[in-house]
Amino acid sequence: MERLYISMKGEPTYRSLRSTFLIVCFFIGCIFVLFLVKGANNQLRDELVDRLMRGRETIEANNNLKMELSVITRARYLEFKTKERLGLKKPKEEEVLVLR
């Protein structure tokens, strides 16, 4: 029984070049798709951050308006109670004497 040796150092065949080219194209395509998806993800993330910041600003403005409303309501309530219970009223400007 004789041994048969085949040398692998010969010219690459057309089939191996084609498969190598397809693999390289596949990886380049994957990288391209990866960059597209990453760009879309960054854009969506930026939009979400902007929306959250606007929501936070809206909540802060709403809280400030609630505080102002409570102050106004409290002042009106106190004025109403002083008129109702004590019969007092707010003096006019000409009735007030300012001492220095």
Protein backbone atom coordinates (compact mmCIF):
# COMPACT_ATOMS: atom_id res chain seq x y z
CA MET A 1 0.00 0.00 0.00
CA GLU A 2 1.50 3.23 -1.14
CA ARG A 3 0.80 6.56 0.41
CA LEU A 4 -0.42 9.36 -1.77
CA TYR A 5 0.44 12.92 -0.73
CA ILE A 6 -1.37 15.94 -2.13
CA SER A 7 0.27 19.32 -1.94
CA MET A 8 -1.93 22.18 -0.66
CA LYS A 9 0.47 24.92 -1.79
CA GLY A 10 -0.97 25.19 -5.25
CA GLU A 11 -3.03 28.01 -6.70
CA PRO A 12 -6.31 28.66 -4.92
CA THR A 13 -9.27 27.47 -6.89
CA TYR A 14 -12.08 29.63 -8.18
CA ARG A 15 -14.47 28.12 -5.63
CA SER A 16 -12.31 29.06 -2.63
CA LEU A 17 -11.84 32.63 -3.94
CA ARG A 18 -15.57 33.00 -4.44
CA SER A 19 -16.40 31.73 -0.95
CA THR A 20 -13.76 34.02 0.59
CA PHE A 21 -15.18 36.97 -1.35
CA LEU A 22 -18.71 36.13 -0.15
CA ILE A 23 -17.57 35.89 3.47
CA VAL A 24 -15.78 39.26 3.24
CA CYS A 25 -18.86 40.85 1.63
CA PHE A 26 -21.05 39.36 4.36
CA PHE A 27 -18.89 40.87 7.10
CA ILE A 28 -18.77 44.25 5.36
CA GLY A 29 -22.56 44.15 5.03
CA CYS A 30 -22.93 43.28 8.71
CA ILE A 31 -20.70 46.18 9.71
CA PHE A 32 -22.70 48.54 7.47
CA VAL A 33 -25.99 47.39 9.01
CA LEU A 34 -24.47 47.72 12.48
CA PHE A 35 -23.57 51.36 11.82
CA LEU A 36 -27.07 52.07 10.48
CA VAL A 37 -28.71 50.52 13.53
CA LYS A 38 -26.35 52.33 15.90
CA GLY A 39 -27.11 55.67 14.22
CA ALA A 40 -30.86 55.07 14.46
CA ASN A 41 -30.45 54.03 18.10
CA ASN A 42 -28.50 57.21 18.91
CA GLN A 43 -31.14 59.35 17.23
CA LEU A 44 -33.97 57.65 19.13
CA ARG A 45 -32.03 57.96 22.38
CA ASP A 46 -31.51 61.70 21.82
CA GLU A 47 -35.22 62.16 21.07
CA LEU A 48 -36.12 60.26 24.24
CA VAL A 49 -33.74 62.38 26.33
CA ASP A 50 -35.25 65.57 24.87
CA ARG A 51 -38.77 64.32 25.55
CA LEU A 52 -37.88 63.40 29.13
CA MET A 53 -36.26 66.80 29.72
CA ARG A 54 -39.35 68.57 28.36
CA GLY A 55 -41.51 66.39 30.60
CA ARG A 56 -39.37 67.24 33.62
CA GLU A 57 -39.58 70.96 32.80
CA THR A 58 -43.35 70.65 32.46
CA ILE A 59 -43.61 68.91 35.84
CA GLU A 60 -41.46 71.62 37.49
CA ALA A 61 -43.55 74.39 35.92
CA ASN A 62 -46.72 72.61 37.07
CA ASN A 63 -45.39 72.33 40.63
CA ASN A 64 -44.46 76.03 40.63
CA LEU A 65 -47.95 76.95 39.42
CA LYS A 66 -49.50 74.76 42.13
CA MET A 67 -47.40 76.54 44.75
CA GLU A 68 -48.46 79.96 43.44
CA LEU A 69 -52.10 78.85 43.37
CA SER A 70 -51.91 77.61 46.95
CA VAL A 71 -50.38 80.93 48.07
CA ILE A 72 -53.07 82.91 46.26
CA THR A 73 -55.80 80.64 47.55
CA ARG A 74 -54.47 80.88 51.09
CA ALA A 75 -54.36 84.69 50.91
CA ARG A 76 -57.93 84.82 49.60
CA TYR A 77 -59.05 82.33 52.22
CA LEU A 78 -57.49 84.40 55.02
CA GLU A 79 -59.05 87.57 53.67
CA PHE A 80 -62.45 85.88 53.44
CA LYS A 81 -62.22 84.52 57.01
CA THR A 82 -61.17 87.88 58.46
CA LYS A 83 -64.15 89.53 56.81
CA GLU A 84 -66.54 86.77 57.86
CA ARG A 85 -65.48 86.15 61.46
CA LEU A 86 -63.98 89.42 62.59
CA GLY A 87 -65.72 91.88 60.32
CA LEU A 88 -62.37 93.31 59.25
CA LYS A 89 -61.56 94.60 55.81
CA LYS A 90 -58.40 95.60 54.01
CA PRO A 91 -57.66 99.33 54.43
CA LYS A 92 -57.51 101.59 51.43
CA GLU A 93 -54.25 103.32 50.53
CA GLU A 94 -55.38 106.72 51.83
CA GLU A 95 -56.31 105.13 55.17
CA VAL A 96 -52.81 103.78 55.84
CA LEU A 97 -50.34 105.92 57.78
CA VAL A 98 -46.68 105.02 57.25
CA LEU A 99 -44.32 105.96 60.08
CA ARG A 100 -40.60 106.28 59.59
